[in-house]
Amino acid sequence: MFNKKSPIEFGVIGLGRFGFALARSLAEAGKEVIAMDCDEIKVRQMRAYTDEAFVIKEIDREALENTGIQNCETVIVCIGEKMDIS
């Protein structure tokens, strides 16, 4: 029988004030969360809530796929400064 890993519930791209609070609240509610940001300090802080926190310097297809974000049921983009990337 094929054993498929269940998808991760949420992905959060950007750990500014809103993104960090959202990812933390989801993790504290028992949800599986992948979080990512270019700021290593924010990512380290997020690792207190989820093991799936990643530093990504460039938001491109390869970086996103390397984190496994494509396996998330819901992805929230929390990037306020670079609207073209959002």
PDB file of N, CA and C in Angstrom:
ATOM      1  N   MET A   1       0.828  -1.172   0.000  1.00  0.00           N
ATOM      2  CA  MET A   1       0.000   0.000   0.000  1.00  0.00           C
ATOM      3  C   MET A   1       0.878   1.243   0.000  1.00  0.00           C
ATOM      4  N   PHE A   2       0.500   2.250  -0.766  1.00  0.00           N
ATOM      5  CA  PHE A   2       1.235   3.498  -0.881  1.00  0.00           C
ATOM      6  C   PHE A   2       1.066   4.315   0.390  1.00  0.00           C
ATOM      7  N   ASN A   3       2.169   4.687   1.028  1.00  0.00           N
ATOM      8  CA  ASN A   3       2.133   5.453   2.260  1.00  0.00           C
ATOM      9  C   ASN A   3       2.525   6.897   1.961  1.00  0.00           C
ATOM     10  N   LYS A   4       1.548   7.760   1.810  1.00  0.00           N
ATOM     11  CA  LYS A   4       1.786   9.163   1.487  1.00  0.00           C
ATOM     12  C   LYS A   4       1.867   9.979   2.764  1.00  0.00           C
ATOM     13  N   LYS A   5       2.926  10.775   2.876  1.00  0.00           N
ATOM     14  CA  LYS A   5       3.063  11.665   4.022  1.00  0.00           C
ATOM     15  C   LYS A   5       2.011  12.756   3.925  1.00  0.00           C
ATOM     16  N   SER A   6       1.357  13.045   5.041  1.00  0.00           N
ATOM     17  CA  SER A   6       0.331  14.075   5.027  1.00  0.00           C
ATOM     18  C   SER A   6       0.974  15.433   4.787  1.00  0.00           C
ATOM     19  N   PRO A   7       0.276  16.297   4.068  1.00  0.00           N
ATOM     20  CA  PRO A   7       0.837  17.612   3.789  1.00  0.00           C
ATOM     21  C   PRO A   7       0.931  18.453   5.058  1.00  0.00           C
ATOM     22  N   ILE A   8       1.849  19.379   5.025  1.00  0.00           N
ATOM     23  CA  ILE A   8       1.989  20.326   6.131  1.00  0.00           C
ATOM     24  C   ILE A   8       0.860  21.331   6.011  1.00  0.00           C
ATOM     25  N   GLU A   9       0.292  21.719   7.137  1.00  0.00           N
ATOM     26  CA  GLU A   9      -0.902  22.550   7.110  1.00  0.00           C
ATOM     27  C   GLU A   9      -0.648  23.976   6.620  1.00  0.00           C
ATOM     28  N   PHE A  10       0.402  24.636   7.110  1.00  0.00           N
ATOM     29  CA  PHE A  10       0.610  26.049   6.791  1.00  0.00           C
ATOM     30  C   PHE A  10       2.058  26.360   6.447  1.00  0.00           C
ATOM     31  N   GLY A  11       2.228  27.270   5.519  1.00  0.00           N
ATOM     32  CA  GLY A  11       3.522  27.842   5.201  1.00  0.00           C
ATOM     33  C   GLY A  11       3.418  29.353   5.366  1.00  0.00           C
ATOM     34  N   VAL A  12       4.422  29.954   5.971  1.00  0.00           N
ATOM     35  CA  VAL A  12       4.446  31.404   6.154  1.00  0.00           C
ATOM     36  C   VAL A  12       5.749  31.925   5.563  1.00  0.00           C
ATOM     37  N   ILE A  13       5.619  32.790   4.571  1.00  0.00           N
ATOM     38  CA  ILE A  13       6.776  33.395   3.919  1.00  0.00           C
ATOM     39  C   ILE A  13       6.874  34.832   4.411  1.00  0.00           C
ATOM     40  N   GLY A  14       7.919  35.111   5.170  1.00  0.00           N
ATOM     41  CA  GLY A  14       8.121  36.443   5.730  1.00  0.00           C
ATOM     42  C   GLY A  14       7.809  36.452   7.210  1.00  0.00           C
ATOM     43  N   LEU A  15       8.784  36.781   8.015  1.00  0.00           N
ATOM     44  CA  LEU A  15       8.619  36.761   9.464  1.00  0.00           C
ATOM     45  C   LEU A  15       8.768  38.153  10.065  1.00  0.00           C
ATOM     46  N   GLY A  16       8.097  39.101   9.462  1.00  0.00           N
ATOM     47  CA  GLY A  16       8.006  40.421  10.065  1.00  0.00           C
ATOM     48  C   GLY A  16       7.046  40.346  11.239  1.00  0.00           C
ATOM     49  N   ARG A  17       6.545  41.482  11.671  1.00  0.00           N
ATOM     50  CA  ARG A  17       5.636  41.475  12.834  1.00  0.00           C
ATOM     51  C   ARG A  17       4.425  40.580  12.605  1.00  0.00           C
ATOM     52  N   PHE A  18       3.752  40.748  11.457  1.00  0.00           N
ATOM     53  CA  PHE A  18       2.560  39.954  11.193  1.00  0.00           C
ATOM     54  C   PHE A  18       2.905  38.489  10.947  1.00  0.00           C
ATOM     55  N   GLY A  19       3.863  38.220  10.080  1.00  0.00           N
ATOM     56  CA  GLY A  19       4.218  36.845   9.739  1.00  0.00           C
ATOM     57  C   GLY A  19       4.702  36.047  10.932  1.00  0.00           C
ATOM     58  N   PHE A  20       5.532  36.671  11.776  1.00  0.00           N
ATOM     59  CA  PHE A  20       6.033  35.982  12.964  1.00  0.00           C
ATOM     60  C   PHE A  20       4.888  35.665  13.917  1.00  0.00           C
ATOM     61  N   ALA A  21       4.029  36.650  14.167  1.00  0.00           N
ATOM     62  CA  ALA A  21       2.899  36.430  15.082  1.00  0.00           C
ATOM     63  C   ALA A  21       1.965  35.353  14.542  1.00  0.00           C
ATOM     64  N   LEU A  22       1.732  35.357  13.241  1.00  0.00           N
ATOM     65  CA  LEU A  22       0.862  34.355  12.629  1.00  0.00           C
ATOM     66  C   LEU A  22       1.463  32.954  12.751  1.00  0.00           C
ATOM     67  N   ALA A  23       2.726  32.806  12.360  1.00  0.00           N
ATOM     68  CA  ALA A  23       3.382  31.492  12.423  1.00  0.00           C
ATOM     69  C   ALA A  23       3.436  30.980  13.854  1.00  0.00           C
ATOM     70  N   ARG A  24       3.761  31.857  14.800  1.00  0.00           N
ATOM     71  CA  ARG A  24       3.818  31.457  16.208  1.00  0.00           C
ATOM     72  C   ARG A  24       2.442  31.011  16.704  1.00  0.00           C
ATOM     73  N   SER A  25       1.409  31.779  16.380  1.00  0.00           N
ATOM     74  CA  SER A  25       0.046  31.430  16.823  1.00  0.00           C
ATOM     75  C   SER A  25      -0.401  30.097  16.247  1.00  0.00           C
ATOM     76  N   LEU A  26      -0.104  29.864  14.971  1.00  0.00           N
ATOM     77  CA  LEU A  26      -0.467  28.591  14.348  1.00  0.00           C
ATOM     78  C   LEU A  26       0.261  27.430  15.023  1.00  0.00           C
ATOM     79  N   ALA A  27       1.559  27.597  15.251  1.00  0.00           N
ATOM     80  CA  ALA A  27       2.350  26.537  15.892  1.00  0.00           C
ATOM     81  C   ALA A  27       1.863  26.280  17.314  1.00  0.00           C
ATOM     82  N   GLU A  28       1.566  27.344  18.056  1.00  0.00           N
ATOM     83  CA  GLU A  28       1.074  27.178  19.422  1.00  0.00           C
ATOM     84  C   GLU A  28      -0.295  26.507  19.457  1.00  0.00           C
ATOM     85  N   ALA A  29      -1.042  26.626  18.356  1.00  0.00           N
ATOM     86  CA  ALA A  29      -2.348  25.974  18.266  1.00  0.00           C
ATOM     87  C   ALA A  29      -2.220  24.513  17.822  1.00  0.00           C
ATOM     88  N   GLY A  30      -0.977  24.045  17.666  1.00  0.00           N
ATOM     89  CA  GLY A  30      -0.755  22.651  17.308  1.00  0.00           C
ATOM     90  C   GLY A  30      -0.737  22.372  15.822  1.00  0.00           C
ATOM     91  N   LYS A  31      -0.674  23.395  14.999  1.00  0.00           N
ATOM     92  CA  LYS A  31      -0.632  23.221  13.543  1.00  0.00           C
ATOM     93  C   LYS A  31       0.809  23.019  13.093  1.00  0.00           C
ATOM     94  N   GLU A  32       0.974  22.274  12.011  1.00  0.00           N
ATOM     95  CA  GLU A  32       2.293  22.119  11.405  1.00  0.00           C
ATOM     96  C   GLU A  32       2.566  23.355  10.564  1.00  0.00           C
ATOM     97  N   VAL A  33       3.750  23.953  10.756  1.00  0.00           N
ATOM     98  CA  VAL A  33       4.068  25.208  10.088  1.00  0.00           C
ATOM     99  C   VAL A  33       5.480  25.162   9.516  1.00  0.00           C
ATOM    100  N   ILE A  34       5.613  25.596   8.263  1.00  0.00           N
ATOM    101  CA  ILE A  34       6.912  25.904   7.669  1.00  0.00           C
ATOM    102  C   ILE A  34       6.985  27.421   7.634  1.00  0.00           C
ATOM    103  N   ALA A  35       8.089  27.973   8.128  1.00  0.00           N
ATOM    104  CA  ALA A  35       8.275  29.420   8.123  1.00  0.00           C
ATOM    105  C   ALA A  35       9.608  29.749   7.477  1.00  0.00           C
ATOM    106  N   MET A  36       9.655  30.896   6.793  1.00  0.00           N
ATOM    107  CA  MET A  36      10.901  31.280   6.151  1.00  0.00           C
ATOM    108  C   MET A  36      11.035  32.788   6.074  1.00  0.00           C
ATOM    109  N   ASP A  37      12.294  33.227   6.113  1.00  0.00           N
ATOM    110  CA  ASP A  37      12.602  34.647   6.023  1.00  0.00           C
ATOM    111  C   ASP A  37      14.072  34.771   5.645  1.00  0.00           C
ATOM    112  N   CYS A  38      14.470  35.943   5.211  1.00  0.00           N
ATOM    113  CA  CYS A  38      15.884  36.180   4.890  1.00  0.00           C
ATOM    114  C   CYS A  38      16.683  36.584   6.122  1.00  0.00           C
ATOM    115  N   ASP A  39      16.011  36.897   7.212  1.00  0.00           N
ATOM    116  CA  ASP A  39      16.655  37.331   8.440  1.00  0.00           C
ATOM    117  C   ASP A  39      16.924  36.127   9.342  1.00  0.00           C
ATOM    118  N   GLU A  40      18.197  35.810   9.522  1.00  0.00           N
ATOM    119  CA  GLU A  40      18.578  34.625  10.296  1.00  0.00           C
ATOM    120  C   GLU A  40      18.125  34.722  11.752  1.00  0.00           C
ATOM    121  N   ILE A  41      18.138  35.911  12.334  1.00  0.00           N
ATOM    122  CA  ILE A  41      17.723  36.088  13.724  1.00  0.00           C
ATOM    123  C   ILE A  41      16.247  35.746  13.894  1.00  0.00           C
ATOM    124  N   LYS A  42      15.416  36.219  12.978  1.00  0.00           N
ATOM    125  CA  LYS A  42      13.981  35.915  13.047  1.00  0.00           C
ATOM    126  C   LYS A  42      13.726  34.431  12.894  1.00  0.00           C
ATOM    127  N   VAL A  43      14.481  33.795  12.007  1.00  0.00           N
ATOM    128  CA  VAL A  43      14.318  32.354  11.788  1.00  0.00           C
ATOM    129  C   VAL A  43      14.728  31.585  13.039  1.00  0.00           C
ATOM    130  N   ARG A  44      15.828  31.984  13.674  1.00  0.00           N
ATOM    131  CA  ARG A  44      16.243  31.324  14.914  1.00  0.00           C
ATOM    132  C   ARG A  44      15.190  31.473  16.003  1.00  0.00           C
ATOM    133  N   GLN A  45      14.588  32.645  16.105  1.00  0.00           N
ATOM    134  CA  GLN A  45      13.521  32.864  17.087  1.00  0.00           C
ATOM    135  C   GLN A  45      12.323  31.969  16.785  1.00  0.00           C
ATOM    136  N   MET A  46      12.003  31.795  15.520  1.00  0.00           N
ATOM    137  CA  MET A  46      10.852  30.967  15.121  1.00  0.00           C
ATOM    138  C   MET A  46      11.094  29.497  15.420  1.00  0.00           C
ATOM    139  N   ARG A  47      12.336  29.068  15.443  1.00  0.00           N
ATOM    140  CA  ARG A  47      12.640  27.653  15.720  1.00  0.00           C
ATOM    141  C   ARG A  47      12.239  27.228  17.123  1.00  0.00           C
ATOM    142  N   ALA A  48      11.911  28.174  17.980  1.00  0.00           N
ATOM    143  CA  ALA A  48      11.359  27.843  19.300  1.00  0.00           C
ATOM    144  C   ALA A  48       9.938  27.300  19.152  1.00  0.00           C
ATOM    145  N   TYR A  49       9.319  27.547  18.011  1.00  0.00           N
ATOM    146  CA  TYR A  49       7.925  27.143  17.789  1.00  0.00           C
ATOM    147  C   TYR A  49       7.779  26.061  16.724  1.00  0.00           C
ATOM    148  N   THR A  50       8.718  26.007  15.773  1.00  0.00           N
ATOM    149  CA  THR A  50       8.674  24.981  14.730  1.00  0.00           C
ATOM    150  C   THR A  50      10.086  24.636  14.287  1.00  0.00           C
ATOM    151  N   ASP A  51      10.328  23.361  14.033  1.00  0.00           N
ATOM    152  CA  ASP A  51      11.627  22.926  13.517  1.00  0.00           C
ATOM    153  C   ASP A  51      11.775  23.278  12.039  1.00  0.00           C
ATOM    154  N   GLU A  52      10.669  23.560  11.399  1.00  0.00           N
ATOM    155  CA  GLU A  52      10.643  23.835   9.964  1.00  0.00           C
ATOM    156  C   GLU A  52      10.714  25.341   9.704  1.00  0.00           C
ATOM    157  N   ALA A  53      11.820  25.963  10.120  1.00  0.00           N
ATOM    158  CA  ALA A  53      12.044  27.390   9.887  1.00  0.00           C
ATOM    159  C   ALA A  53      13.338  27.522   9.094  1.00  0.00           C
ATOM    160  N   PHE A  54      13.286  28.268   8.001  1.00  0.00           N
ATOM    161  CA  PHE A  54      14.397  28.312   7.065  1.00  0.00           C
ATOM    162  C   PHE A  54      14.809  29.738   6.725  1.00  0.00           C
ATOM    163  N   VAL A  55      16.119  29.926   6.569  1.00  0.00           N
ATOM    164  CA  VAL A  55      16.654  31.183   6.057  1.00  0.00           C
ATOM    165  C   VAL A  55      16.744  31.035   4.545  1.00  0.00           C
ATOM    166  N   ILE A  56      16.097  31.925   3.823  1.00  0.00           N
ATOM    167  CA  ILE A  56      16.241  31.946   2.368  1.00  0.00           C
ATOM    168  C   ILE A  56      16.615  33.364   1.963  1.00  0.00           C
ATOM    169  N   LYS A  57      17.703  33.481   1.240  1.00  0.00           N
ATOM    170  CA  LYS A  57      18.201  34.804   0.834  1.00  0.00           C
ATOM    171  C   LYS A  57      17.449  35.336  -0.375  1.00  0.00           C
ATOM    172  N   GLU A  58      17.128  34.483  -1.304  1.00  0.00           N
ATOM    173  CA  GLU A  58      16.384  34.876  -2.509  1.00  0.00           C
ATOM    174  C   GLU A  58      15.111  34.060  -2.581  1.00  0.00           C
ATOM    175  N   ILE A  59      13.999  34.718  -2.800  1.00  0.00           N
ATOM    176  CA  ILE A  59      12.739  33.997  -2.943  1.00  0.00           C
ATOM    177  C   ILE A  59      12.580  33.665  -4.418  1.00  0.00           C
ATOM    178  N   ASP A  60      12.966  32.452  -4.758  1.00  0.00           N
ATOM    179  CA  ASP A  60      12.790  31.959  -6.114  1.00  0.00           C
ATOM    180  C   ASP A  60      12.273  30.526  -6.036  1.00  0.00           C
ATOM    181  N   ARG A  61      11.937  29.990  -7.163  1.00  0.00           N
ATOM    182  CA  ARG A  61      11.328  28.657  -7.208  1.00  0.00           C
ATOM    183  C   ARG A  61      12.191  27.598  -6.516  1.00  0.00           C
ATOM    184  N   GLU A  62      13.476  27.606  -6.803  1.00  0.00           N
ATOM    185  CA  GLU A  62      14.370  26.589  -6.237  1.00  0.00           C
ATOM    186  C   GLU A  62      14.426  26.699  -4.711  1.00  0.00           C
ATOM    187  N   ALA A  63      14.563  27.914  -4.197  1.00  0.00           N
ATOM    188  CA  ALA A  63      14.631  28.102  -2.736  1.00  0.00           C
ATOM    189  C   ALA A  63      13.338  27.642  -2.078  1.00  0.00           C
ATOM    190  N   LEU A  64      12.213  27.985  -2.667  1.00  0.00           N
ATOM    191  CA  LEU A  64      10.926  27.579  -2.103  1.00  0.00           C
ATOM    192  C   LEU A  64      10.762  26.063  -2.123  1.00  0.00           C
ATOM    193  N   GLU A  65      11.129  25.433  -3.224  1.00  0.00           N
ATOM    194  CA  GLU A  65      11.011  23.974  -3.315  1.00  0.00           C
ATOM    195  C   GLU A  65      11.939  23.278  -2.318  1.00  0.00           C
ATOM    196  N   ASN A  66      13.110  23.844  -2.080  1.00  0.00           N
ATOM    197  CA  ASN A  66      14.054  23.249  -1.122  1.00  0.00           C
ATOM    198  C   ASN A  66      13.508  23.238   0.303  1.00  0.00           C
ATOM    199  N   THR A  67      12.639  24.172   0.626  1.00  0.00           N
ATOM    200  CA  THR A  67      12.046  24.207   1.965  1.00  0.00           C
ATOM    201  C   THR A  67      10.880  23.241   2.102  1.00  0.00           C
ATOM    202  N   GLY A  68      10.290  22.821   0.971  1.00  0.00           N
ATOM    203  CA  GLY A  68       9.125  21.946   1.011  1.00  0.00           C
ATOM    204  C   GLY A  68       7.812  22.699   1.068  1.00  0.00           C
ATOM    205  N   ILE A  69       7.825  23.971   0.777  1.00  0.00           N
ATOM    206  CA  ILE A  69       6.618  24.791   0.866  1.00  0.00           C
ATOM    207  C   ILE A  69       5.524  24.293  -0.072  1.00  0.00           C
ATOM    208  N   GLN A  70       5.911  23.612  -1.134  1.00  0.00           N
ATOM    209  CA  GLN A  70       4.920  23.098  -2.082  1.00  0.00           C
ATOM    210  C   GLN A  70       4.048  22.007  -1.464  1.00  0.00           C
ATOM    211  N   ASN A  71       4.446  21.486  -0.317  1.00  0.00           N
ATOM    212  CA  ASN A  71       3.677  20.451   0.368  1.00  0.00           C
ATOM    213  C   ASN A  71       2.659  21.020   1.356  1.00  0.00           C
ATOM    214  N   CYS A  72       2.583  22.331   1.444  1.00  0.00           N
ATOM    215  CA  CYS A  72       1.660  22.970   2.388  1.00  0.00           C
ATOM    216  C   CYS A  72       0.257  23.074   1.793  1.00  0.00           C
ATOM    217  N   GLU A  73      -0.727  22.888   2.647  1.00  0.00           N
ATOM    218  CA  GLU A  73      -2.108  23.061   2.223  1.00  0.00           C
ATOM    219  C   GLU A  73      -2.433  24.533   2.008  1.00  0.00           C
ATOM    220  N   THR A  74      -1.904  25.402   2.865  1.00  0.00           N
ATOM    221  CA  THR A  74      -2.140  26.841   2.796  1.00  0.00           C
ATOM    222  C   THR A  74      -0.824  27.569   2.986  1.00  0.00           C
ATOM    223  N   VAL A  75      -0.560  28.558   2.127  1.00  0.00           N
ATOM    224  CA  VAL A  75       0.645  29.370   2.243  1.00  0.00           C
ATOM    225  C   VAL A  75       0.226  30.831   2.348  1.00  0.00           C
ATOM    226  N   ILE A  76       0.783  31.521   3.330  1.00  0.00           N
ATOM    227  CA  ILE A  76       0.491  32.927   3.532  1.00  0.00           C
ATOM    228  C   ILE A  76       1.772  33.711   3.260  1.00  0.00           C
ATOM    229  N   VAL A  77       1.694  34.674   2.338  1.00  0.00           N
ATOM    230  CA  VAL A  77       2.835  35.509   1.994  1.00  0.00           C
ATOM    231  C   VAL A  77       2.738  36.789   2.816  1.00  0.00           C
ATOM    232  N   CYS A  78       3.725  37.018   3.662  1.00  0.00           N
ATOM    233  CA  CYS A  78       3.714  38.152   4.590  1.00  0.00           C
ATOM    234  C   CYS A  78       4.902  39.068   4.304  1.00  0.00           C
ATOM    235  N   ILE A  79       5.006  39.483   3.074  1.00  0.00           N
ATOM    236  CA  ILE A  79       6.103  40.365   2.676  1.00  0.00           C
ATOM    237  C   ILE A  79       5.495  41.716   2.341  1.00  0.00           C
ATOM    238  N   GLY A  80       5.825  42.730   3.140  1.00  0.00           N
ATOM    239  CA  GLY A  80       5.260  44.048   2.936  1.00  0.00           C
ATOM    240  C   GLY A  80       6.133  44.986   2.139  1.00  0.00           C
ATOM    241  N   GLU A  81       7.446  44.782   2.181  1.00  0.00           N
ATOM    242  CA  GLU A  81       8.357  45.723   1.545  1.00  0.00           C
ATOM    243  C   GLU A  81       8.571  45.443   0.069  1.00  0.00           C
ATOM    244  N   LYS A  82       8.587  44.204  -0.333  1.00  0.00           N
ATOM    245  CA  LYS A  82       8.877  43.842  -1.719  1.00  0.00           C
ATOM    246  C   LYS A  82       7.623  43.294  -2.371  1.00  0.00           C
ATOM    247  N   MET A  83       6.736  44.170  -2.747  1.00  0.00           N
ATOM    248  CA  MET A  83       5.449  43.760  -3.282  1.00  0.00           C
ATOM    249  C   MET A  83       5.576  42.989  -4.588  1.00  0.00           C
ATOM    250  N   ASP A  84       6.611  43.241  -5.379  1.00  0.00           N
ATOM    251  CA  ASP A  84       6.797  42.512  -6.630  1.00  0.00           C
ATOM    252  C   ASP A  84       7.025  41.035  -6.378  1.00  0.00           C
ATOM    253  N   ILE A  85       7.693  40.685  -5.283  1.00  0.00           N
ATOM    254  CA  ILE A  85       7.926  39.289  -4.934  1.00  0.00           C
ATOM    255  C   ILE A  85       6.646  38.624  -4.453  1.00  0.00           C
ATOM    256  N   SER A  86       5.834  39.371  -3.715  1.00  0.00           N
ATOM    257  CA  SER A  86       4.580  38.819  -3.198  1.00  0.00           C
ATOM    258  C   SER A  86       3.708  38.367  -4.345  1.00  0.00           C
TER     259      SER A  86
END
